PDB file of N, CA and C in Angstrom:
ATOM      1  N   MET A   1     155.477 101.392 170.741  1.00  0.00           N
ATOM      2  CA  MET A   1     156.690 102.159 170.558  1.00  0.00           C
ATOM      3  C   MET A   1     157.560 102.006 171.799  1.00  0.00           C
ATOM      4  N   HIS A   2     158.821 101.731 171.592  1.00  0.00           N
ATOM      5  CA  HIS A   2     159.765 101.572 172.689  1.00  0.00           C
ATOM      6  C   HIS A   2     160.474 102.894 172.946  1.00  0.00           C
ATOM      7  N   ARG A   3     160.425 103.341 174.190  1.00  0.00           N
ATOM      8  CA  ARG A   3     161.076 104.587 174.584  1.00  0.00           C
ATOM      9  C   ARG A   3     161.746 104.401 175.934  1.00  0.00           C
ATOM     10  N   SER A   4     162.896 105.042 176.087  1.00  0.00           N
ATOM     11  CA  SER A   4     163.599 104.989 177.363  1.00  0.00           C
ATOM     12  C   SER A   4     162.878 105.875 178.379  1.00  0.00           C
ATOM     13  N   PRO A   5     163.139 105.665 179.662  1.00  0.00           N
ATOM     14  CA  PRO A   5     162.501 106.490 180.694  1.00  0.00           C
ATOM     15  C   PRO A   5     162.763 107.990 180.533  1.00  0.00           C
ATOM     16  N   LEU A   6     163.859 108.371 179.884  1.00  0.00           N
ATOM     17  CA  LEU A   6     164.144 109.795 179.703  1.00  0.00           C
ATOM     18  C   LEU A   6     163.057 110.513 178.905  1.00  0.00           C
ATOM     19  N   PHE A   7     162.341 109.791 178.072  1.00  0.00           N
ATOM     20  CA  PHE A   7     161.258 110.400 177.296  1.00  0.00           C
ATOM     21  C   PHE A   7     160.094 110.850 178.179  1.00  0.00           C
ATOM     22  N   PHE A   8     159.982 110.264 179.357  1.00  0.00           N
ATOM     23  CA  PHE A   8     158.812 110.502 180.196  1.00  0.00           C
ATOM     24  C   PHE A   8     159.072 111.439 181.367  1.00  0.00           C
ATOM     25  N   CYS A   9     160.264 111.996 181.446  1.00  0.00           N
ATOM     26  CA  CYS A   9     160.582 112.918 182.537  1.00  0.00           C
ATOM     27  C   CYS A   9     159.758 114.189 182.405  1.00  0.00           C
ATOM     28  N   GLN A  10     159.187 114.608 183.505  1.00  0.00           N
ATOM     29  CA  GLN A  10     158.369 115.820 183.523  1.00  0.00           C
ATOM     30  C   GLN A  10     159.118 117.024 184.080  1.00  0.00           C
ATOM     31  N   ASP A  11     160.303 116.813 184.617  1.00  0.00           N
ATOM     32  CA  ASP A  11     161.083 117.943 185.123  1.00  0.00           C
ATOM     33  C   ASP A  11     162.572 117.625 185.028  1.00  0.00           C
ATOM     34  N   TYR A  12     163.364 118.672 185.146  1.00  0.00           N
ATOM     35  CA  TYR A  12     164.806 118.504 184.961  1.00  0.00           C
ATOM     36  C   TYR A  12     165.451 117.700 186.082  1.00  0.00           C
ATOM     37  N   GLU A  13     164.876 117.727 187.286  1.00  0.00           N
ATOM     38  CA  GLU A  13     165.468 116.965 188.386  1.00  0.00           C
ATOM     39  C   GLU A  13     165.358 115.464 188.136  1.00  0.00           C
ATOM     40  N   ALA A  14     164.224 115.030 187.624  1.00  0.00           N
ATOM     41  CA  ALA A  14     164.064 113.611 187.284  1.00  0.00           C
ATOM     42  C   ALA A  14     165.006 113.230 186.152  1.00  0.00           C
ATOM     43  N   THR A  15     165.157 114.134 185.200  1.00  0.00           N
ATOM     44  CA  THR A  15     166.085 113.900 184.093  1.00  0.00           C
ATOM     45  C   THR A  15     167.501 113.741 184.622  1.00  0.00           C
ATOM     46  N   ARG A  16     167.905 114.659 185.486  1.00  0.00           N
ATOM     47  CA  ARG A  16     169.254 114.607 186.066  1.00  0.00           C
ATOM     48  C   ARG A  16     169.462 113.303 186.828  1.00  0.00           C
ATOM     49  N   LEU A  17     168.477 112.895 187.608  1.00  0.00           N
ATOM     50  CA  LEU A  17     168.580 111.664 188.395  1.00  0.00           C
ATOM     51  C   LEU A  17     168.800 110.453 187.492  1.00  0.00           C
ATOM     52  N   LEU A  18     168.034 110.365 186.419  1.00  0.00           N
ATOM     53  CA  LEU A  18     168.208 109.247 185.484  1.00  0.00           C
ATOM     54  C   LEU A  18     169.592 109.276 184.841  1.00  0.00           C
ATOM     55  N   LEU A  19     170.034 110.461 184.432  1.00  0.00           N
ATOM     56  CA  LEU A  19     171.355 110.576 183.804  1.00  0.00           C
ATOM     57  C   LEU A  19     172.468 110.213 184.779  1.00  0.00           C
ATOM     58  N   GLU A  20     172.349 110.669 186.023  1.00  0.00           N
ATOM     59  CA  GLU A  20     173.357 110.353 187.038  1.00  0.00           C
ATOM     60  C   GLU A  20     173.414 108.858 187.333  1.00  0.00           C
ATOM     61  N   ASN A  21     172.328 108.158 187.049  1.00  0.00           N
ATOM     62  CA  ASN A  21     172.277 106.720 187.293  1.00  0.00           C
ATOM     63  C   ASN A  21     172.458 105.898 186.027  1.00  0.00           C
ATOM     64  N   GLY A  22     173.031 106.527 185.006  1.00  0.00           N
ATOM     65  CA  GLY A  22     173.456 105.781 183.832  1.00  0.00           C
ATOM     66  C   GLY A  22     172.549 105.774 182.625  1.00  0.00           C
ATOM     67  N   ALA A  23     171.452 106.516 182.644  1.00  0.00           N
ATOM     68  CA  ALA A  23     170.580 106.548 181.462  1.00  0.00           C
ATOM     69  C   ALA A  23     171.332 107.173 180.288  1.00  0.00           C
ATOM     70  N   ASP A  24     171.193 106.591 179.128  1.00  0.00           N
ATOM     71  CA  ASP A  24     171.861 107.078 177.920  1.00  0.00           C
ATOM     72  C   ASP A  24     170.925 108.033 177.185  1.00  0.00           C
ATOM     73  N   PRO A  25     171.300 109.320 177.060  1.00  0.00           N
ATOM     74  CA  PRO A  25     170.419 110.287 176.411  1.00  0.00           C
ATOM     75  C   PRO A  25     170.378 110.178 174.892  1.00  0.00           C
ATOM     76  N   ASN A  26     171.163 109.287 174.332  1.00  0.00           N
ATOM     77  CA  ASN A  26     171.246 109.181 172.875  1.00  0.00           C
ATOM     78  C   ASN A  26     170.556 107.948 172.304  1.00  0.00           C
ATOM     79  N   ILE A  27     169.770 107.256 173.122  1.00  0.00           N
ATOM     80  CA  ILE A  27     169.038 106.088 172.626  1.00  0.00           C
ATOM     81  C   ILE A  27     167.721 106.566 172.022  1.00  0.00           C
ATOM     82  N   PRO A  28     167.525 106.323 170.723  1.00  0.00           N
ATOM     83  CA  PRO A  28     166.300 106.790 170.063  1.00  0.00           C
ATOM     84  C   PRO A  28     165.134 105.825 170.252  1.00  0.00           C
ATOM     85  N   ASP A  29     163.943 106.346 169.949  1.00  0.00           N
ATOM     86  CA  ASP A  29     162.768 105.480 169.913  1.00  0.00           C
ATOM     87  C   ASP A  29     162.691 104.819 168.537  1.00  0.00           C
ATOM     88  N   ASP A  30     161.583 104.186 168.233  1.00  0.00           N
ATOM     89  CA  ASP A  30     161.439 103.449 166.974  1.00  0.00           C
ATOM     90  C   ASP A  30     161.454 104.339 165.733  1.00  0.00           C
ATOM     91  N   GLU A  31     161.246 105.638 165.911  1.00  0.00           N
ATOM     92  CA  GLU A  31     161.257 106.582 164.789  1.00  0.00           C
ATOM     93  C   GLU A  31     162.554 107.373 164.716  1.00  0.00           C
ATOM     94  N   GLY A  32     163.517 106.981 165.542  1.00  0.00           N
ATOM     95  CA  GLY A  32     164.808 107.650 165.540  1.00  0.00           C
ATOM     96  C   GLY A  32     164.846 108.928 166.352  1.00  0.00           C
ATOM     97  N   ILE A  33     163.774 109.220 167.064  1.00  0.00           N
ATOM     98  CA  ILE A  33     163.723 110.437 167.877  1.00  0.00           C
ATOM     99  C   ILE A  33     164.409 110.173 169.210  1.00  0.00           C
ATOM    100  N   VAL A  34     165.274 111.084 169.612  1.00  0.00           N
ATOM    101  CA  VAL A  34     165.974 110.979 170.894  1.00  0.00           C
ATOM    102  C   VAL A  34     165.276 111.868 171.927  1.00  0.00           C
ATOM    103  N   PRO A  35     165.524 111.618 173.221  1.00  0.00           N
ATOM    104  CA  PRO A  35     164.879 112.431 174.255  1.00  0.00           C
ATOM    105  C   PRO A  35     165.098 113.941 174.089  1.00  0.00           C
ATOM    106  N   LEU A  36     166.275 114.356 173.615  1.00  0.00           N
ATOM    107  CA  LEU A  36     166.530 115.784 173.422  1.00  0.00           C
ATOM    108  C   LEU A  36     165.579 116.379 172.388  1.00  0.00           C
ATOM    109  N   ALA A  37     165.341 115.676 171.309  1.00  0.00           N
ATOM    110  CA  ALA A  37     164.405 116.163 170.287  1.00  0.00           C
ATOM    111  C   ALA A  37     162.988 116.229 170.851  1.00  0.00           C
ATOM    112  N   GLU A  38     162.612 115.231 171.619  1.00  0.00           N
ATOM    113  CA  GLU A  38     161.271 115.212 172.220  1.00  0.00           C
ATOM    114  C   GLU A  38     161.091 116.391 173.171  1.00  0.00           C
ATOM    115  N   ALA A  39     162.093 116.655 173.997  1.00  0.00           N
ATOM    116  CA  ALA A  39     162.009 117.788 174.930  1.00  0.00           C
ATOM    117  C   ALA A  39     162.007 119.118 174.177  1.00  0.00           C
ATOM    118  N   ALA A  40     162.794 119.213 173.111  1.00  0.00           N
ATOM    119  CA  ALA A  40     162.830 120.438 172.304  1.00  0.00           C
ATOM    120  C   ALA A  40     161.490 120.676 171.626  1.00  0.00           C
ATOM    121  N   LYS A  41     160.838 119.595 171.230  1.00  0.00           N
ATOM    122  CA  LYS A  41     159.550 119.694 170.532  1.00  0.00           C
ATOM    123  C   LYS A  41     158.485 120.370 171.401  1.00  0.00           C
ATOM    124  N   ILE A  42     158.582 120.195 172.707  1.00  0.00           N
ATOM    125  CA  ILE A  42     157.594 120.801 173.598  1.00  0.00           C
ATOM    126  C   ILE A  42     158.177 121.975 174.385  1.00  0.00           C
ATOM    127  N   GLY A  43     159.357 122.430 173.977  1.00  0.00           N
ATOM    128  CA  GLY A  43     159.947 123.625 174.569  1.00  0.00           C
ATOM    129  C   GLY A  43     160.385 123.472 176.009  1.00  0.00           C
ATOM    130  N   GLU A  44     160.864 122.299 176.370  1.00  0.00           N
ATOM    131  CA  GLU A  44     161.319 122.044 177.740  1.00  0.00           C
ATOM    132  C   GLU A  44     162.801 122.406 177.876  1.00  0.00           C
ATOM    133  N   TYR A  45     163.068 123.693 178.017  1.00  0.00           N
ATOM    134  CA  TYR A  45     164.437 124.210 178.084  1.00  0.00           C
ATOM    135  C   TYR A  45     165.273 123.511 179.157  1.00  0.00           C
ATOM    136  N   TYR A  46     164.772 123.439 180.380  1.00  0.00           N
ATOM    137  CA  TYR A  46     165.571 122.889 181.478  1.00  0.00           C
ATOM    138  C   TYR A  46     165.864 121.403 181.291  1.00  0.00           C
ATOM    139  N   ILE A  47     164.913 120.678 180.749  1.00  0.00           N
ATOM    140  CA  ILE A  47     165.161 119.267 180.461  1.00  0.00           C
ATOM    141  C   ILE A  47     166.187 119.146 179.341  1.00  0.00           C
ATOM    142  N   CYS A  48     166.070 119.978 178.316  1.00  0.00           N
ATOM    143  CA  CYS A  48     167.067 119.975 177.231  1.00  0.00           C
ATOM    144  C   CYS A  48     168.456 120.257 177.782  1.00  0.00           C
ATOM    145  N   ARG A  49     168.545 121.236 178.661  1.00  0.00           N
ATOM    146  CA  ARG A  49     169.839 121.596 179.249  1.00  0.00           C
ATOM    147  C   ARG A  49     170.440 120.412 180.000  1.00  0.00           C
ATOM    148  N   GLU A  50     169.640 119.732 180.799  1.00  0.00           N
ATOM    149  CA  GLU A  50     170.142 118.569 181.544  1.00  0.00           C
ATOM    150  C   GLU A  50     170.585 117.456 180.600  1.00  0.00           C
ATOM    151  N   LEU A  51     169.818 117.238 179.543  1.00  0.00           N
ATOM    152  CA  LEU A  51     170.187 116.196 178.574  1.00  0.00           C
ATOM    153  C   LEU A  51     171.510 116.528 177.894  1.00  0.00           C
ATOM    154  N   ILE A  52     171.704 117.787 177.552  1.00  0.00           N
ATOM    155  CA  ILE A  52     172.969 118.198 176.929  1.00  0.00           C
ATOM    156  C   ILE A  52     174.113 118.039 177.920  1.00  0.00           C
ATOM    157  N   TYR A  53     173.921 118.499 179.163  1.00  0.00           N
ATOM    158  CA  TYR A  53     174.947 118.310 180.194  1.00  0.00           C
ATOM    159  C   TYR A  53     175.251 116.833 180.397  1.00  0.00           C
ATOM    160  N   GLY A  54     174.240 115.993 180.197  1.00  0.00           N
ATOM    161  CA  GLY A  54     174.392 114.554 180.379  1.00  0.00           C
ATOM    162  C   GLY A  54     174.933 113.824 179.162  1.00  0.00           C
ATOM    163  N   GLY A  55     175.320 114.572 178.129  1.00  0.00           N
ATOM    164  CA  GLY A  55     175.965 113.956 176.972  1.00  0.00           C
ATOM    165  C   GLY A  55     175.112 113.767 175.739  1.00  0.00           C
ATOM    166  N   ALA A  56     173.929 114.370 175.699  1.00  0.00           N
ATOM    167  CA  ALA A  56     173.082 114.232 174.509  1.00  0.00           C
ATOM    168  C   ALA A  56     173.748 114.887 173.301  1.00  0.00           C
ATOM    169  N   ASN A  57     173.689 114.210 172.184  1.00  0.00           N
ATOM    170  CA  ASN A  57     174.231 114.723 170.924  1.00  0.00           C
ATOM    171  C   ASN A  57     173.213 115.694 170.330  1.00  0.00           C
ATOM    172  N   VAL A  58     173.596 116.963 170.186  1.00  0.00           N
ATOM    173  CA  VAL A  58     172.658 117.979 169.690  1.00  0.00           C
ATOM    174  C   VAL A  58     172.400 117.860 168.196  1.00  0.00           C
ATOM    175  N   ASN A  59     173.161 117.031 167.507  1.00  0.00           N
ATOM    176  CA  ASN A  59     173.007 116.899 166.057  1.00  0.00           C
ATOM    177  C   ASN A  59     172.470 115.543 165.610  1.00  0.00           C
ATOM    178  N   THR A  60     171.891 114.791 166.531  1.00  0.00           N
ATOM    179  CA  THR A  60     171.282 113.515 166.168  1.00  0.00           C
ATOM    180  C   THR A  60     170.086 113.766 165.256  1.00  0.00           C
ATOM    181  N   LEU A  61     169.962 112.948 164.209  1.00  0.00           N
ATOM    182  CA  LEU A  61     168.855 113.083 163.262  1.00  0.00           C
ATOM    183  C   LEU A  61     167.890 111.913 163.406  1.00  0.00           C
ATOM    184  N   ASP A  62     166.589 112.207 163.307  1.00  0.00           N
ATOM    185  CA  ASP A  62     165.594 111.139 163.354  1.00  0.00           C
ATOM    186  C   ASP A  62     165.369 110.572 161.953  1.00  0.00           C
ATOM    187  N   ASP A  63     164.366 109.732 161.802  1.00  0.00           N
ATOM    188  CA  ASP A  63     164.103 109.086 160.513  1.00  0.00           C
ATOM    189  C   ASP A  63     163.705 110.071 159.417  1.00  0.00           C
ATOM    190  N   GLU A  64     163.252 111.261 159.802  1.00  0.00           N
ATOM    191  CA  GLU A  64     162.901 112.318 158.843  1.00  0.00           C
ATOM    192  C   GLU A  64     164.051 113.316 158.678  1.00  0.00           C
ATOM    193  N   ARG A  65     165.215 112.972 159.239  1.00  0.00           N
ATOM    194  CA  ARG A  65     166.419 113.802 159.206  1.00  0.00           C
ATOM    195  C   ARG A  65     166.238 115.126 159.960  1.00  0.00           C
ATOM    196  N   ARG A  66     165.338 115.125 160.944  1.00  0.00           N
ATOM    197  CA  ARG A  66     165.135 116.308 161.779  1.00  0.00           C
ATOM    198  C   ARG A  66     166.033 116.212 163.009  1.00  0.00           C
ATOM    199  N   SER A  67     166.643 117.329 163.329  1.00  0.00           N
ATOM    200  CA  SER A  67     167.491 117.425 164.510  1.00  0.00           C
ATOM    201  C   SER A  67     166.686 118.010 165.673  1.00  0.00           C
ATOM    202  N   PRO A  68     167.233 117.970 166.883  1.00  0.00           N
ATOM    203  CA  PRO A  68     166.557 118.651 167.988  1.00  0.00           C
ATOM    204  C   PRO A  68     166.297 120.133 167.682  1.00  0.00           C
ATOM    205  N   LEU A  69     167.197 120.775 166.927  1.00  0.00           N
ATOM    206  CA  LEU A  69     166.989 122.179 166.573  1.00  0.00           C
ATOM    207  C   LEU A  69     165.769 122.357 165.670  1.00  0.00           C
ATOM    208  N   HIS A  70     165.547 121.434 164.753  1.00  0.00           N
ATOM    209  CA  HIS A  70     164.325 121.491 163.945  1.00  0.00           C
ATOM    210  C   HIS A  70     163.094 121.477 164.856  1.00  0.00           C
ATOM    211  N   TYR A  71     163.113 120.590 165.857  1.00  0.00           N
ATOM    212  CA  TYR A  71     161.973 120.483 166.764  1.00  0.00           C
ATOM    213  C   TYR A  71     161.812 121.729 167.630  1.00  0.00           C
ATOM    214  N   ALA A  72     162.910 122.316 168.068  1.00  0.00           N
ATOM    215  CA  ALA A  72     162.825 123.559 168.844  1.00  0.00           C
ATOM    216  C   ALA A  72     162.195 124.668 168.007  1.00  0.00           C
ATOM    217  N   CYS A  73     162.524 124.685 166.724  1.00  0.00           N
ATOM    218  CA  CYS A  73     161.955 125.701 165.834  1.00  0.00           C
ATOM    219  C   CYS A  73     160.483 125.450 165.551  1.00  0.00           C
ATOM    220  N   MET A  74     160.050 124.207 165.665  1.00  0.00           N
ATOM    221  CA  MET A  74     158.618 123.906 165.561  1.00  0.00           C
ATOM    222  C   MET A  74     157.887 124.425 166.794  1.00  0.00           C
ATOM    223  N   SER A  75     158.492 124.228 167.959  1.00  0.00           N
ATOM    224  CA  SER A  75     157.839 124.630 169.210  1.00  0.00           C
ATOM    225  C   SER A  75     157.828 126.140 169.378  1.00  0.00           C
ATOM    226  N   GLY A  76     158.827 126.813 168.816  1.00  0.00           N
ATOM    227  CA  GLY A  76     158.891 128.266 168.923  1.00  0.00           C
ATOM    228  C   GLY A  76     159.531 128.771 170.193  1.00  0.00           C
ATOM    229  N   ASP A  77     160.188 127.884 170.942  1.00  0.00           N
ATOM    230  CA  ASP A  77     160.797 128.301 172.203  1.00  0.00           C
ATOM    231  C   ASP A  77     162.178 128.909 171.964  1.00  0.00           C
ATOM    232  N   PRO A  78     162.352 130.216 172.221  1.00  0.00           N
ATOM    233  CA  PRO A  78     163.637 130.856 171.946  1.00  0.00           C
ATOM    234  C   PRO A  78     164.773 130.386 172.853  1.00  0.00           C
ATOM    235  N   LEU A  79     164.481 130.101 174.120  1.00  0.00           N
ATOM    236  CA  LEU A  79     165.544 129.652 175.023  1.00  0.00           C
ATOM    237  C   LEU A  79     166.121 128.314 174.582  1.00  0.00           C
ATOM    238  N   THR A  80     165.248 127.394 174.219  1.00  0.00           N
ATOM    239  CA  THR A  80     165.703 126.082 173.758  1.00  0.00           C
ATOM    240  C   THR A  80     166.454 126.211 172.443  1.00  0.00           C
ATOM    241  N   THR A  81     165.963 127.050 171.549  1.00  0.00           N
ATOM    242  CA  THR A  81     166.629 127.267 170.263  1.00  0.00           C
ATOM    243  C   THR A  81     168.035 127.804 170.482  1.00  0.00           C
ATOM    244  N   GLU A  82     168.173 128.822 171.327  1.00  0.00           N
ATOM    245  CA  GLU A  82     169.499 129.385 171.610  1.00  0.00           C
ATOM    246  C   GLU A  82     170.406 128.378 172.304  1.00  0.00           C
ATOM    247  N   LEU A  83     169.862 127.626 173.242  1.00  0.00           N
ATOM    248  CA  LEU A  83     170.646 126.603 173.941  1.00  0.00           C
ATOM    249  C   LEU A  83     171.242 125.612 172.951  1.00  0.00           C
ATOM    250  N   LEU A  84     170.429 125.131 172.037  1.00  0.00           N
ATOM    251  CA  LEU A  84     170.908 124.148 171.060  1.00  0.00           C
ATOM    252  C   LEU A  84     171.968 124.750 170.147  1.00  0.00           C
ATOM    253  N   ILE A  85     171.743 125.967 169.677  1.00  0.00           N
ATOM    254  CA  ILE A  85     172.729 126.617 168.805  1.00  0.00           C
ATOM    255  C   ILE A  85     174.030 126.847 169.570  1.00  0.00           C
ATOM    256  N   ASP A  86     173.927 127.358 170.792  1.00  0.00           N
ATOM    257  CA  ASP A  86     175.124 127.600 171.605  1.00  0.00           C
ATOM    258  C   ASP A  86     175.854 126.308 171.956  1.00  0.00           C
ATOM    259  N   SER A  87     175.146 125.186 171.916  1.00  0.00           N
ATOM    260  CA  SER A  87     175.747 123.882 172.222  1.00  0.00           C
ATOM    261  C   SER A  87     176.279 123.181 170.978  1.00  0.00           C
ATOM    262  N   GLY A  88     176.251 123.870 169.835  1.00  0.00           N
ATOM    263  CA  GLY A  88     176.854 123.324 168.623  1.00  0.00           C
ATOM    264  C   GLY A  88     175.911 122.715 167.615  1.00  0.00           C
ATOM    265  N   ALA A  89     174.610 122.960 167.749  1.00  0.00           N
ATOM    266  CA  ALA A  89     173.659 122.410 166.775  1.00  0.00           C
ATOM    267  C   ALA A  89     173.944 122.975 165.385  1.00  0.00           C
ATOM    268  N   ASN A  90     173.808 122.126 164.396  1.00  0.00           N
ATOM    269  CA  ASN A  90     174.030 122.513 163.001  1.00  0.00           C
ATOM    270  C   ASN A  90     172.838 123.341 162.526  1.00  0.00           C
ATOM    271  N   VAL A  91     173.066 124.627 162.271  1.00  0.00           N
ATOM    272  CA  VAL A  91     171.967 125.525 161.898  1.00  0.00           C
ATOM    273  C   VAL A  91     171.566 125.398 160.435  1.00  0.00           C
ATOM    274  N   ILE A  92     172.367 124.711 159.639  1.00  0.00           N
ATOM    275  CA  ILE A  92     172.043 124.593 158.211  1.00  0.00           C
ATOM    276  C   ILE A  92     171.682 123.167 157.800  1.00  0.00           C
ATOM    277  N   ALA A  93     171.507 122.275 158.768  1.00  0.00           N
ATOM    278  CA  ALA A  93     171.122 120.893 158.457  1.00  0.00           C
ATOM    279  C   ALA A  93     169.727 120.874 157.847  1.00  0.00           C
ATOM    280  N   SER A  94     169.567 120.133 156.762  1.00  0.00           N
ATOM    281  CA  SER A  94     168.264 120.021 156.099  1.00  0.00           C
ATOM    282  C   SER A  94     167.598 118.701 156.459  1.00  0.00           C
ATOM    283  N   ASP A  95     166.289 118.768 156.703  1.00  0.00           N
ATOM    284  CA  ASP A  95     165.539 117.545 156.964  1.00  0.00           C
ATOM    285  C   ASP A  95     165.176 116.868 155.642  1.00  0.00           C
ATOM    286  N   SER A  96     164.391 115.818 155.692  1.00  0.00           N
ATOM    287  CA  SER A  96     164.065 115.063 154.475  1.00  0.00           C
ATOM    288  C   SER A  96     163.216 115.871 153.492  1.00  0.00           C
ATOM    289  N   ASP A  97     162.629 116.970 153.954  1.00  0.00           N
ATOM    290  CA  ASP A  97     161.877 117.871 153.074  1.00  0.00           C
ATOM    291  C   ASP A  97     162.725 119.063 152.631  1.00  0.00           C
ATOM    292  N   HIS A  98     164.022 119.005 152.912  1.00  0.00           N
ATOM    293  CA  HIS A  98     164.991 120.044 152.545  1.00  0.00           C
ATOM    294  C   HIS A  98     164.780 121.351 153.303  1.00  0.00           C
ATOM    295  N   ASN A  99     164.244 121.265 154.513  1.00  0.00           N
ATOM    296  CA  ASN A  99     164.037 122.442 155.350  1.00  0.00           C
ATOM    297  C   ASN A  99     165.133 122.553 156.399  1.00  0.00           C
ATOM    298  N   THR A 100     165.750 123.716 156.488  1.00  0.00           N
ATOM    299  CA  THR A 100     166.682 124.000 157.571  1.00  0.00           C
ATOM    300  C   THR A 100     165.864 124.368 158.807  1.00  0.00           C
ATOM    301  N   PRO A 101     166.482 124.399 159.981  1.00  0.00           N
ATOM    302  CA  PRO A 101     165.733 124.824 161.166  1.00  0.00           C
ATOM    303  C   PRO A 101     165.112 126.221 161.010  1.00  0.00           C
ATOM    304  N   GLU A 102     165.837 127.138 160.403  1.00  0.00           N
ATOM    305  CA  GLU A 102     165.296 128.487 160.198  1.00  0.00           C
ATOM    306  C   GLU A 102     164.042 128.446 159.322  1.00  0.00           C
ATOM    307  N   MET A 103     164.063 127.631 158.284  1.00  0.00           N
ATOM    308  CA  MET A 103     162.888 127.486 157.420  1.00  0.00           C
ATOM    309  C   MET A 103     161.716 126.882 158.194  1.00  0.00           C
ATOM    310  N   VAL A 104     162.010 125.929 159.072  1.00  0.00           N
ATOM    311  CA  VAL A 104     160.968 125.314 159.898  1.00  0.00           C
ATOM    312  C   VAL A 104     160.327 126.371 160.801  1.00  0.00           C
ATOM    313  N   ALA A 105     161.157 127.239 161.384  1.00  0.00           N
ATOM    314  CA  ALA A 105     160.622 128.315 162.229  1.00  0.00           C
ATOM    315  C   ALA A 105     159.664 129.193 161.432  1.00  0.00           C
ATOM    316  N   LYS A 106     160.066 129.575 160.230  1.00  0.00           N
ATOM    317  CA  LYS A 106     159.215 130.424 159.383  1.00  0.00           C
ATOM    318  C   LYS A 106     157.919 129.711 159.020  1.00  0.00           C
ATOM    319  N   LYS A 107     158.014 128.447 158.613  1.00  0.00           N
ATOM    320  CA  LYS A 107     156.824 127.691 158.196  1.00  0.00           C
ATOM    321  C   LYS A 107     155.835 127.486 159.336  1.00  0.00           C
ATOM    322  N   ASN A 108     156.346 127.467 160.564  1.00  0.00           N
ATOM    323  CA  ASN A 108     155.483 127.269 161.726  1.00  0.00           C
ATOM    324  C   ASN A 108     155.039 128.587 162.356  1.00  0.00           C
ATOM    325  N   GLY A 109     155.351 129.696 161.694  1.00  0.00           N
ATOM    326  CA  GLY A 109     154.931 131.003 162.193  1.00  0.00           C
ATOM    327  C   GLY A 109     155.718 131.509 163.379  1.00  0.00           C
ATOM    328  N   ASN A 110     156.871 130.920 163.625  1.00  0.00           N
ATOM    329  CA  ASN A 110     157.702 131.316 164.762  1.00  0.00           C
ATOM    330  C   ASN A 110     158.761 132.325 164.319  1.00  0.00           C
ATOM    331  N   LEU A 111     158.275 133.442 163.793  1.00  0.00           N
ATOM    332  CA  LEU A 111     159.161 134.457 163.224  1.00  0.00           C
ATOM    333  C   LEU A 111     160.044 135.118 164.275  1.00  0.00           C
ATOM    334  N   HIS A 112     159.639 135.045 165.534  1.00  0.00           N
ATOM    335  CA  HIS A 112     160.458 135.604 166.607  1.00  0.00           C
ATOM    336  C   HIS A 112     161.795 134.867 166.752  1.00  0.00           C
ATOM    337  N   LEU A 113     161.923 133.694 166.165  1.00  0.00           N
ATOM    338  CA  LEU A 113     163.191 132.952 166.232  1.00  0.00           C
ATOM    339  C   LEU A 113     164.185 133.400 165.166  1.00  0.00           C
ATOM    340  N   ILE A 114     163.718 134.093 164.144  1.00  0.00           N
ATOM    341  CA  ILE A 114     164.585 134.450 163.023  1.00  0.00           C
ATOM    342  C   ILE A 114     165.757 135.308 163.474  1.00  0.00           C
ATOM    343  N   SER A 115     165.541 136.188 164.437  1.00  0.00           N
ATOM    344  CA  SER A 115     166.640 137.038 164.914  1.00  0.00           C
ATOM    345  C   SER A 115     167.757 136.204 165.540  1.00  0.00           C
ATOM    346  N   ILE A 116     167.426 135.073 166.124  1.00  0.00           N
ATOM    347  CA  ILE A 116     168.457 134.189 166.690  1.00  0.00           C
ATOM    348  C   ILE A 116     169.369 133.691 165.574  1.00  0.00           C
ATOM    349  N   PHE A 117     168.777 133.295 164.453  1.00  0.00           N
ATOM    350  CA  PHE A 117     169.571 132.818 163.319  1.00  0.00           C
ATOM    351  C   PHE A 117     170.352 133.958 162.670  1.00  0.00           C
ATOM    352  N   THR A 118     169.744 135.133 162.593  1.00  0.00           N
ATOM    353  CA  THR A 118     170.429 136.301 162.030  1.00  0.00           C
ATOM    354  C   THR A 118     171.652 136.642 162.866  1.00  0.00           C
ATOM    355  N   ASN A 119     171.494 136.651 164.184  1.00  0.00           N
ATOM    356  CA  ASN A 119     172.628 136.933 165.072  1.00  0.00           C
ATOM    357  C   ASN A 119     173.721 135.886 164.922  1.00  0.00           C
ATOM    358  N   TYR A 120     173.327 134.624 164.814  1.00  0.00           N
ATOM    359  CA  TYR A 120     174.308 133.552 164.635  1.00  0.00           C
ATOM    360  C   TYR A 120     175.089 133.759 163.340  1.00  0.00           C
ATOM    361  N   LYS A 121     174.383 134.071 162.262  1.00  0.00           N
ATOM    362  CA  LYS A 121     175.040 134.273 160.963  1.00  0.00           C
ATOM    363  C   LYS A 121     175.996 135.454 161.005  1.00  0.00           C
ATOM    364  N   GLU A 122     175.603 136.522 161.700  1.00  0.00           N
ATOM    365  CA  GLU A 122     176.480 137.687 161.809  1.00  0.00           C
ATOM    366  C   GLU A 122     177.761 137.346 162.557  1.00  0.00           C
ATOM    367  N   LYS A 123     177.654 136.548 163.603  1.00  0.00           N
ATOM    368  CA  LYS A 123     178.832 136.146 164.375  1.00  0.00           C
ATOM    369  C   LYS A 123     179.741 135.205 163.592  1.00  0.00           C
ATOM    370  N   HIS A 124     179.146 134.407 162.704  1.00  0.00           N
ATOM    371  CA  HIS A 124     179.893 133.362 162.002  1.00  0.00           C
ATOM    372  C   HIS A 124     179.883 133.560 160.493  1.00  0.00           C
ATOM    373  N   GLN A 125     179.800 134.794 160.026  1.00  0.00           N
ATOM    374  CA  GLN A 125     179.646 135.046 158.596  1.00  0.00           C
ATOM    375  C   GLN A 125     180.795 134.517 157.758  1.00  0.00           C
ATOM    376  N   ASN A 126     181.953 134.334 158.321  1.00  0.00           N
ATOM    377  CA  ASN A 126     183.077 133.784 157.556  1.00  0.00           C
ATOM    378  C   ASN A 126     182.883 132.307 157.238  1.00  0.00           C
ATOM    379  N   ASN A 127     181.947 131.662 157.929  1.00  0.00           N
ATOM    380  CA  ASN A 127     181.692 130.240 157.717  1.00  0.00           C
ATOM    381  C   ASN A 127     180.630 129.981 156.660  1.00  0.00           C
ATOM    382  N   TYR A 128     180.046 131.039 156.112  1.00  0.00           N
ATOM    383  CA  TYR A 128     178.982 130.877 155.112  1.00  0.00           C
ATOM    384  C   TYR A 128     179.489 131.165 153.730  1.00  0.00           C
TER     385      TYR A 128
END
């Protein structure tokens, strides 16, 4: 599997250094997964933040049509979930199994994330 060095960063400072030196945060691996999705999958809030500051697209979809927000909802990390939503992640995007990020949170037992989606819907109810 081919992956850029951004996939292997263990801290946000290394991520920032790579981005400052021209690393592209939107280059996917062979499965269409981008570094932001990988970091979201393991709940690496600070790395996600650096990737977003460095130009990562929060709505990139992998081969299963999962976004970084889907992966954050799998990990159950509320900070990463809120960061992605506040950065413009599509909260109603469906993956190839027709699951929205909120549904993924429920299926993975991460019910503590549901209030984040409820708050988002209340703020943006005219858009639904």
